[in-house]
mmCIF file of all heavy atoms, coordinates in Angstrom:
data_MODEL
# 
_entry.id   MODEL 
# 
loop_
_atom_site.group_PDB 
_atom_site.id 
_atom_site.type_symbol 
_atom_site.label_atom_id 
_atom_site.label_alt_id 
_atom_site.label_comp_id 
_atom_site.label_asym_id 
_atom_site.label_entity_id 
_atom_site.label_seq_id 
_atom_site.pdbx_PDB_ins_code 
_atom_site.Cartn_x 
_atom_site.Cartn_y 
_atom_site.Cartn_z 
_atom_site.occupancy 
_atom_site.B_iso_or_equiv 
_atom_site.pdbx_formal_charge 
_atom_site.auth_seq_id 
_atom_site.auth_comp_id 
_atom_site.auth_asym_id 
_atom_site.auth_atom_id 
_atom_site.pdbx_PDB_model_num 
ATOM 1   N N   . LEU A 1 1  ? -54.361 58.990 -78.670 1.00 0.00 ? 1  LEU A N   1 
ATOM 2   C CA  . LEU A 1 1  ? -53.342 57.959 -78.896 1.00 0.00 ? 1  LEU A CA  1 
ATOM 3   C C   . LEU A 1 1  ? -51.989 58.560 -79.240 1.00 0.00 ? 1  LEU A C   1 
ATOM 4   O O   . LEU A 1 1  ? -50.952 57.946 -78.997 1.00 0.00 ? 1  LEU A O   1 
ATOM 5   C CB  . LEU A 1 1  ? -53.796 57.043 -80.037 1.00 0.00 ? 1  LEU A CB  1 
ATOM 6   C CG  . LEU A 1 1  ? -52.906 55.833 -80.318 1.00 0.00 ? 1  LEU A CG  1 
ATOM 7   C CD1 . LEU A 1 1  ? -52.766 54.980 -79.059 1.00 0.00 ? 1  LEU A CD1 1 
ATOM 8   C CD2 . LEU A 1 1  ? -53.472 55.004 -81.457 1.00 0.00 ? 1  LEU A CD2 1 
ATOM 9   N N   . ILE A 1 2  ? -51.958 59.792 -79.771 1.00 0.00 ? 2  ILE A N   1 
ATOM 10  C CA  . ILE A 1 2  ? -50.675 60.392 -80.172 1.00 0.00 ? 2  ILE A CA  1 
ATOM 11  C C   . ILE A 1 2  ? -49.764 60.594 -78.974 1.00 0.00 ? 2  ILE A C   1 
ATOM 12  O O   . ILE A 1 2  ? -48.658 60.054 -78.939 1.00 0.00 ? 2  ILE A O   1 
ATOM 13  C CB  . ILE A 1 2  ? -50.925 61.726 -80.902 1.00 0.00 ? 2  ILE A CB  1 
ATOM 14  C CG1 . ILE A 1 2  ? -51.765 61.474 -82.175 1.00 0.00 ? 2  ILE A CG1 1 
ATOM 15  C CG2 . ILE A 1 2  ? -49.607 62.391 -81.271 1.00 0.00 ? 2  ILE A CG2 1 
ATOM 16  C CD1 . ILE A 1 2  ? -52.170 62.734 -82.869 1.00 0.00 ? 2  ILE A CD1 1 
ATOM 17  N N   . PRO A 1 3  ? -50.164 61.339 -77.927 1.00 0.00 ? 3  PRO A N   1 
ATOM 18  C CA  . PRO A 1 3  ? -49.236 61.497 -76.796 1.00 0.00 ? 3  PRO A CA  1 
ATOM 19  C C   . PRO A 1 3  ? -48.997 60.213 -76.051 1.00 0.00 ? 3  PRO A C   1 
ATOM 20  O O   . PRO A 1 3  ? -47.909 59.986 -75.521 1.00 0.00 ? 3  PRO A O   1 
ATOM 21  C CB  . PRO A 1 3  ? -49.951 62.548 -75.934 1.00 0.00 ? 3  PRO A CB  1 
ATOM 22  C CG  . PRO A 1 3  ? -51.381 62.456 -76.328 1.00 0.00 ? 3  PRO A CG  1 
ATOM 23  C CD  . PRO A 1 3  ? -51.404 62.098 -77.781 1.00 0.00 ? 3  PRO A CD  1 
ATOM 24  N N   . GLY A 1 4  ? -50.022 59.322 -75.997 1.00 0.00 ? 4  GLY A N   1 
ATOM 25  C CA  . GLY A 1 4  ? -49.829 58.075 -75.268 1.00 0.00 ? 4  GLY A CA  1 
ATOM 26  C C   . GLY A 1 4  ? -48.755 57.205 -75.890 1.00 0.00 ? 4  GLY A C   1 
ATOM 27  O O   . GLY A 1 4  ? -47.864 56.693 -75.207 1.00 0.00 ? 4  GLY A O   1 
ATOM 28  N N   . LEU A 1 5  ? -48.820 57.034 -77.210 1.00 0.00 ? 5  LEU A N   1 
ATOM 29  C CA  . LEU A 1 5  ? -47.832 56.191 -77.880 1.00 0.00 ? 5  LEU A CA  1 
ATOM 30  C C   . LEU A 1 5  ? -46.460 56.837 -77.863 1.00 0.00 ? 5  LEU A C   1 
ATOM 31  O O   . LEU A 1 5  ? -45.444 56.164 -77.660 1.00 0.00 ? 5  LEU A O   1 
ATOM 32  C CB  . LEU A 1 5  ? -48.272 55.923 -79.319 1.00 0.00 ? 5  LEU A CB  1 
ATOM 33  C CG  . LEU A 1 5  ? -49.377 54.871 -79.478 1.00 0.00 ? 5  LEU A CG  1 
ATOM 34  C CD1 . LEU A 1 5  ? -49.792 54.767 -80.925 1.00 0.00 ? 5  LEU A CD1 1 
ATOM 35  C CD2 . LEU A 1 5  ? -48.935 53.519 -78.960 1.00 0.00 ? 5  LEU A CD2 1 
ATOM 36  N N   . LEU A 1 6  ? -46.395 58.163 -78.080 1.00 0.00 ? 6  LEU A N   1 
ATOM 37  C CA  . LEU A 1 6  ? -45.088 58.825 -78.044 1.00 0.00 ? 6  LEU A CA  1 
ATOM 38  C C   . LEU A 1 6  ? -44.458 58.705 -76.671 1.00 0.00 ? 6  LEU A C   1 
ATOM 39  O O   . LEU A 1 6  ? -43.257 58.457 -76.542 1.00 0.00 ? 6  LEU A O   1 
ATOM 40  C CB  . LEU A 1 6  ? -45.255 60.300 -78.424 1.00 0.00 ? 6  LEU A CB  1 
ATOM 41  C CG  . LEU A 1 6  ? -45.595 60.567 -79.897 1.00 0.00 ? 6  LEU A CG  1 
ATOM 42  C CD1 . LEU A 1 6  ? -45.817 62.054 -80.122 1.00 0.00 ? 6  LEU A CD1 1 
ATOM 43  C CD2 . LEU A 1 6  ? -44.487 60.065 -80.804 1.00 0.00 ? 6  LEU A CD2 1 
ATOM 44  N N   . LEU A 1 7  ? -45.263 58.871 -75.607 1.00 0.00 ? 7  LEU A N   1 
ATOM 45  C CA  . LEU A 1 7  ? -44.717 58.724 -74.261 1.00 0.00 ? 7  LEU A CA  1 
ATOM 46  C C   . LEU A 1 7  ? -44.205 57.324 -74.028 1.00 0.00 ? 7  LEU A C   1 
ATOM 47  O O   . LEU A 1 7  ? -43.135 57.120 -73.458 1.00 0.00 ? 7  LEU A O   1 
ATOM 48  C CB  . LEU A 1 7  ? -45.806 59.079 -73.244 1.00 0.00 ? 7  LEU A CB  1 
ATOM 49  C CG  . LEU A 1 7  ? -45.434 58.916 -71.774 1.00 0.00 ? 7  LEU A CG  1 
ATOM 50  C CD1 . LEU A 1 7  ? -44.266 59.829 -71.431 1.00 0.00 ? 7  LEU A CD1 1 
ATOM 51  C CD2 . LEU A 1 7  ? -46.627 59.200 -70.887 1.00 0.00 ? 7  LEU A CD2 1 
ATOM 52  N N   . PHE A 1 8  ? -44.955 56.311 -74.505 1.00 0.00 ? 8  PHE A N   1 
ATOM 53  C CA  . PHE A 1 8  ? -44.513 54.933 -74.329 1.00 0.00 ? 8  PHE A CA  1 
ATOM 54  C C   . PHE A 1 8  ? -43.203 54.678 -75.051 1.00 0.00 ? 8  PHE A C   1 
ATOM 55  O O   . PHE A 1 8  ? -42.299 54.024 -74.535 1.00 0.00 ? 8  PHE A O   1 
ATOM 56  C CB  . PHE A 1 8  ? -45.596 53.990 -74.849 1.00 0.00 ? 8  PHE A CB  1 
ATOM 57  C CG  . PHE A 1 8  ? -45.257 52.548 -74.675 1.00 0.00 ? 8  PHE A CG  1 
ATOM 58  C CD1 . PHE A 1 8  ? -45.522 51.907 -73.483 1.00 0.00 ? 8  PHE A CD1 1 
ATOM 59  C CD2 . PHE A 1 8  ? -44.658 51.820 -75.695 1.00 0.00 ? 8  PHE A CD2 1 
ATOM 60  C CE1 . PHE A 1 8  ? -45.205 50.582 -73.309 1.00 0.00 ? 8  PHE A CE1 1 
ATOM 61  C CE2 . PHE A 1 8  ? -44.340 50.502 -75.533 1.00 0.00 ? 8  PHE A CE2 1 
ATOM 62  C CZ  . PHE A 1 8  ? -44.609 49.881 -74.343 1.00 0.00 ? 8  PHE A CZ  1 
ATOM 63  N N   . LEU A 1 9  ? -43.060 55.225 -76.258 1.00 0.00 ? 9  LEU A N   1 
ATOM 64  C CA  . LEU A 1 9  ? -41.837 55.006 -77.034 1.00 0.00 ? 9  LEU A CA  1 
ATOM 65  C C   . LEU A 1 9  ? -40.641 55.622 -76.357 1.00 0.00 ? 9  LEU A C   1 
ATOM 66  O O   . LEU A 1 9  ? -39.586 55.006 -76.224 1.00 0.00 ? 9  LEU A O   1 
ATOM 67  C CB  . LEU A 1 9  ? -42.010 55.596 -78.435 1.00 0.00 ? 9  LEU A CB  1 
ATOM 68  C CG  . LEU A 1 9  ? -43.090 54.932 -79.292 1.00 0.00 ? 9  LEU A CG  1 
ATOM 69  C CD1 . LEU A 1 9  ? -43.240 55.663 -80.611 1.00 0.00 ? 9  LEU A CD1 1 
ATOM 70  C CD2 . LEU A 1 9  ? -42.740 53.488 -79.549 1.00 0.00 ? 9  LEU A CD2 1 
ATOM 71  N N   . PHE A 1 10 ? -40.782 56.879 -75.904 1.00 0.00 ? 10 PHE A N   1 
ATOM 72  C CA  . PHE A 1 10 ? -39.623 57.532 -75.301 1.00 0.00 ? 10 PHE A CA  1 
ATOM 73  C C   . PHE A 1 10 ? -39.273 56.898 -73.972 1.00 0.00 ? 10 PHE A C   1 
ATOM 74  O O   . PHE A 1 10 ? -38.101 56.802 -73.622 1.00 0.00 ? 10 PHE A O   1 
ATOM 75  C CB  . PHE A 1 10 ? -39.902 59.032 -75.134 1.00 0.00 ? 10 PHE A CB  1 
ATOM 76  C CG  . PHE A 1 10 ? -39.854 59.793 -76.422 1.00 0.00 ? 10 PHE A CG  1 
ATOM 77  C CD1 . PHE A 1 10 ? -41.003 60.383 -76.946 1.00 0.00 ? 10 PHE A CD1 1 
ATOM 78  C CD2 . PHE A 1 10 ? -38.676 59.909 -77.125 1.00 0.00 ? 10 PHE A CD2 1 
ATOM 79  C CE1 . PHE A 1 10 ? -40.954 61.074 -78.132 1.00 0.00 ? 10 PHE A CE1 1 
ATOM 80  C CE2 . PHE A 1 10 ? -38.618 60.601 -78.312 1.00 0.00 ? 10 PHE A CE2 1 
ATOM 81  C CZ  . PHE A 1 10 ? -39.770 61.175 -78.820 1.00 0.00 ? 10 PHE A CZ  1 
ATOM 82  N N   . LEU A 1 11 ? -40.218 56.414 -73.219 1.00 0.00 ? 11 LEU A N   1 
ATOM 83  C CA  . LEU A 1 11 ? -39.907 55.734 -71.974 1.00 0.00 ? 11 LEU A CA  1 
ATOM 84  C C   . LEU A 1 11 ? -39.215 54.413 -72.210 1.00 0.00 ? 11 LEU A C   1 
ATOM 85  O O   . LEU A 1 11 ? -38.363 53.993 -71.437 1.00 0.00 ? 11 LEU A O   1 
ATOM 86  C CB  . LEU A 1 11 ? -41.199 55.495 -71.176 1.00 0.00 ? 11 LEU A CB  1 
ATOM 87  C CG  . LEU A 1 11 ? -41.826 56.746 -70.546 1.00 0.00 ? 11 LEU A CG  1 
ATOM 88  C CD1 . LEU A 1 11 ? -43.089 56.352 -69.794 1.00 0.00 ? 11 LEU A CD1 1 
ATOM 89  C CD2 . LEU A 1 11 ? -40.854 57.422 -69.621 1.00 0.00 ? 11 LEU A CD2 1 
ATOM 90  N N   . ALA A 1 12 ? -39.580 53.722 -73.286 1.00 0.00 ? 12 ALA A N   1 
ATOM 91  C CA  . ALA A 1 12 ? -38.919 52.464 -73.584 1.00 0.00 ? 12 ALA A CA  1 
ATOM 92  C C   . ALA A 1 12 ? -37.508 52.644 -74.052 1.00 0.00 ? 12 ALA A C   1 
ATOM 93  O O   . ALA A 1 12 ? -36.649 51.802 -73.845 1.00 0.00 ? 12 ALA A O   1 
ATOM 94  C CB  . ALA A 1 12 ? -39.722 51.701 -74.641 1.00 0.00 ? 12 ALA A CB  1 
ATOM 95  N N   . LEU A 1 13 ? -37.209 53.817 -74.689 1.00 0.00 ? 13 LEU A N   1 
ATOM 96  C CA  . LEU A 1 13 ? -35.866 54.034 -75.231 1.00 0.00 ? 13 LEU A CA  1 
ATOM 97  C C   . LEU A 1 13 ? -34.901 54.567 -74.199 1.00 0.00 ? 13 LEU A C   1 
ATOM 98  O O   . LEU A 1 13 ? -33.713 54.295 -74.262 1.00 0.00 ? 13 LEU A O   1 
ATOM 99  C CB  . LEU A 1 13 ? -35.958 55.045 -76.391 1.00 0.00 ? 13 LEU A CB  1 
ATOM 100 C CG  . LEU A 1 13 ? -36.477 54.477 -77.706 1.00 0.00 ? 13 LEU A CG  1 
ATOM 101 C CD1 . LEU A 1 13 ? -36.704 55.591 -78.694 1.00 0.00 ? 13 LEU A CD1 1 
ATOM 102 C CD2 . LEU A 1 13 ? -35.528 53.452 -78.263 1.00 0.00 ? 13 LEU A CD2 1 
ATOM 103 N N   . THR A 1 14 ? -35.395 55.385 -73.275 1.00 0.00 ? 14 THR A N   1 
ATOM 104 C CA  . THR A 1 14 ? -34.487 56.027 -72.349 1.00 0.00 ? 14 THR A CA  1 
ATOM 105 C C   . THR A 1 14 ? -34.146 55.099 -71.208 1.00 0.00 ? 14 THR A C   1 
ATOM 106 O O   . THR A 1 14 ? -34.910 54.221 -70.854 1.00 0.00 ? 14 THR A O   1 
ATOM 107 C CB  . THR A 1 14 ? -35.128 57.306 -71.784 1.00 0.00 ? 14 THR A CB  1 
ATOM 108 O OG1 . THR A 1 14 ? -36.388 56.967 -71.217 1.00 0.00 ? 14 THR A OG1 1 
ATOM 109 C CG2 . THR A 1 14 ? -35.297 58.338 -72.867 1.00 0.00 ? 14 THR A CG2 1 
ATOM 110 N N   . PRO A 1 15 ? -32.962 55.290 -70.599 1.00 0.00 ? 15 PRO A N   1 
ATOM 111 C CA  . PRO A 1 15 ? -32.566 54.415 -69.497 1.00 0.00 ? 15 PRO A CA  1 
ATOM 112 C C   . PRO A 1 15 ? -33.119 54.842 -68.163 1.00 0.00 ? 15 PRO A C   1 
ATOM 113 O O   . PRO A 1 15 ? -32.617 54.431 -67.142 1.00 0.00 ? 15 PRO A O   1 
ATOM 114 C CB  . PRO A 1 15 ? -31.045 54.541 -69.517 1.00 0.00 ? 15 PRO A CB  1 
ATOM 115 C CG  . PRO A 1 15 ? -30.805 55.922 -70.020 1.00 0.00 ? 15 PRO A CG  1 
ATOM 116 C CD  . PRO A 1 15 ? -31.907 56.200 -71.011 1.00 0.00 ? 15 PRO A CD  1 
ATOM 117 N N   . SER A 1 16 ? -34.132 55.707 -68.162 1.00 0.00 ? 16 SER A N   1 
ATOM 118 C CA  . SER A 1 16 ? -34.656 56.144 -66.893 1.00 0.00 ? 16 SER A CA  1 
ATOM 119 C C   . SER A 1 16 ? -35.382 55.001 -66.222 1.00 0.00 ? 16 SER A C   1 
ATOM 120 O O   . SER A 1 16 ? -35.832 54.061 -66.857 1.00 0.00 ? 16 SER A O   1 
ATOM 121 C CB  . SER A 1 16 ? -35.628 57.306 -67.113 1.00 0.00 ? 16 SER A CB  1 
ATOM 122 O OG  . SER A 1 16 ? -36.776 56.856 -67.769 1.00 0.00 ? 16 SER A OG  1 
ATOM 123 N N   . PRO A 1 17 ? -35.583 55.042 -64.890 1.00 0.00 ? 17 PRO A N   1 
ATOM 124 C CA  . PRO A 1 17 ? -36.255 53.962 -64.197 1.00 0.00 ? 17 PRO A CA  1 
ATOM 125 C C   . PRO A 1 17 ? -37.734 53.936 -64.426 1.00 0.00 ? 17 PRO A C   1 
ATOM 126 O O   . PRO A 1 17 ? -38.393 52.997 -64.006 1.00 0.00 ? 17 PRO A O   1 
ATOM 127 C CB  . PRO A 1 17 ? -35.927 54.253 -62.722 1.00 0.00 ? 17 PRO A CB  1 
ATOM 128 C CG  . PRO A 1 17 ? -35.640 55.709 -62.680 1.00 0.00 ? 17 PRO A CG  1 
ATOM 129 C CD  . PRO A 1 17 ? -35.039 56.044 -64.016 1.00 0.00 ? 17 PRO A CD  1 
ATOM 130 N N   . ALA A 1 18 ? -38.334 54.945 -65.116 1.00 0.00 ? 18 ALA A N   1 
ATOM 131 C CA  . ALA A 1 18 ? -39.742 54.939 -65.363 1.00 0.00 ? 18 ALA A CA  1 
ATOM 132 C C   . ALA A 1 18 ? -40.043 54.209 -66.630 1.00 0.00 ? 18 ALA A C   1 
ATOM 133 O O   . ALA A 1 18 ? -39.685 54.615 -67.692 1.00 0.00 ? 18 ALA A O   1 
ATOM 134 C CB  . ALA A 1 18 ? -40.265 56.375 -65.462 1.00 0.00 ? 18 ALA A CB  1 
ATOM 135 N N   . LEU A 1 19 ? -40.722 53.112 -66.523 1.00 0.00 ? 19 LEU A N   1 
ATOM 136 C CA  . LEU A 1 19 ? -41.008 52.311 -67.684 1.00 0.00 ? 19 LEU A CA  1 
ATOM 137 C C   . LEU A 1 19 ? -42.300 51.596 -67.449 1.00 0.00 ? 19 LEU A C   1 
ATOM 138 O O   . LEU A 1 19 ? -42.587 51.168 -66.341 1.00 0.00 ? 19 LEU A O   1 
ATOM 139 C CB  . LEU A 1 19 ? -39.902 51.300 -67.919 1.00 0.00 ? 19 LEU A CB  1 
ATOM 140 C CG  . LEU A 1 19 ? -39.952 50.525 -69.199 1.00 0.00 ? 19 LEU A CG  1 
ATOM 141 C CD1 . LEU A 1 19 ? -40.142 51.417 -70.398 1.00 0.00 ? 19 LEU A CD1 1 
ATOM 142 C CD2 . LEU A 1 19 ? -38.690 49.821 -69.384 1.00 0.00 ? 19 LEU A CD2 1 
ATOM 143 N N   . ALA A 1 20 ? -43.134 51.487 -68.514 1.00 0.00 ? 20 ALA A N   1 
ATOM 144 C CA  . ALA A 1 20 ? -44.391 50.822 -68.391 1.00 0.00 ? 20 ALA A CA  1 
ATOM 145 C C   . ALA A 1 20 ? -44.184 49.394 -67.997 1.00 0.00 ? 20 ALA A C   1 
ATOM 146 O O   . ALA A 1 20 ? -43.151 48.806 -68.220 1.00 0.00 ? 20 ALA A O   1 
ATOM 147 C CB  . ALA A 1 20 ? -45.147 50.883 -69.716 1.00 0.00 ? 20 ALA A CB  1 
ATOM 148 N N   . HIS A 1 21 ? -45.141 48.790 -67.360 1.00 0.00 ? 21 HIS A N   1 
ATOM 149 C CA  . HIS A 1 21 ? -45.069 47.419 -66.883 1.00 0.00 ? 21 HIS A CA  1 
ATOM 150 C C   . HIS A 1 21 ? -43.887 47.238 -65.947 1.00 0.00 ? 21 HIS A C   1 
ATOM 151 O O   . HIS A 1 21 ? -42.801 46.859 -66.346 1.00 0.00 ? 21 HIS A O   1 
ATOM 152 C CB  . HIS A 1 21 ? -44.946 46.433 -68.048 1.00 0.00 ? 21 HIS A CB  1 
ATOM 153 C CG  . HIS A 1 21 ? -46.109 46.487 -68.978 1.00 0.00 ? 21 HIS A CG  1 
ATOM 154 N ND1 . HIS A 1 21 ? -47.403 46.300 -68.563 1.00 0.00 ? 21 HIS A ND1 1 
ATOM 155 C CD2 . HIS A 1 21 ? -46.174 46.735 -70.304 1.00 0.00 ? 21 HIS A CD2 1 
ATOM 156 C CE1 . HIS A 1 21 ? -48.213 46.398 -69.591 1.00 0.00 ? 21 HIS A CE1 1 
ATOM 157 N NE2 . HIS A 1 21 ? -47.511 46.681 -70.651 1.00 0.00 ? 21 HIS A NE2 1 
ATOM 158 N N   . GLY A 1 22 ? -44.088 47.459 -64.718 1.00 0.00 ? 22 GLY A N   1 
ATOM 159 C CA  . GLY A 1 22 ? -43.048 47.206 -63.743 1.00 0.00 ? 22 GLY A CA  1 
ATOM 160 C C   . GLY A 1 22 ? -42.126 48.362 -63.515 1.00 0.00 ? 22 GLY A C   1 
ATOM 161 O O   . GLY A 1 22 ? -41.155 48.239 -62.798 1.00 0.00 ? 22 GLY A O   1 
ATOM 162 N N   . GLY A 1 23 ? -42.347 49.545 -64.133 1.00 0.00 ? 23 GLY A N   1 
ATOM 163 C CA  . GLY A 1 23 ? -41.456 50.673 -63.954 1.00 0.00 ? 23 GLY A CA  1 
ATOM 164 C C   . GLY A 1 23 ? -41.743 51.417 -62.657 1.00 0.00 ? 23 GLY A C   1 
ATOM 165 O O   . GLY A 1 23 ? -42.685 51.122 -61.937 1.00 0.00 ? 23 GLY A O   1 
ATOM 166 N N   . MET A 1 24 ? -40.924 52.383 -62.342 1.00 0.00 ? 24 MET A N   1 
ATOM 167 C CA  . MET A 1 24 ? -41.088 53.173 -61.133 1.00 0.00 ? 24 MET A CA  1 
ATOM 168 C C   . MET A 1 24 ? -40.771 54.615 -61.443 1.00 0.00 ? 24 MET A C   1 
ATOM 169 O O   . MET A 1 24 ? -39.769 54.894 -62.078 1.00 0.00 ? 24 MET A O   1 
ATOM 170 C CB  . MET A 1 24 ? -40.159 52.653 -60.030 1.00 0.00 ? 24 MET A CB  1 
ATOM 171 C CG  . MET A 1 24 ? -40.293 53.427 -58.715 1.00 0.00 ? 24 MET A CG  1 
ATOM 172 S SD  . MET A 1 24 ? -39.333 52.691 -57.395 1.00 0.00 ? 24 MET A SD  1 
ATOM 173 C CE  . MET A 1 24 ? -37.690 52.846 -58.068 1.00 0.00 ? 24 MET A CE  1 
# 
């Protein structure tokens, strides 16, 4: 859960197009 949650947090914060739920 540690890398999974950290990855989710950083993807949600950054403006990159990769984002969970509908990201690319």
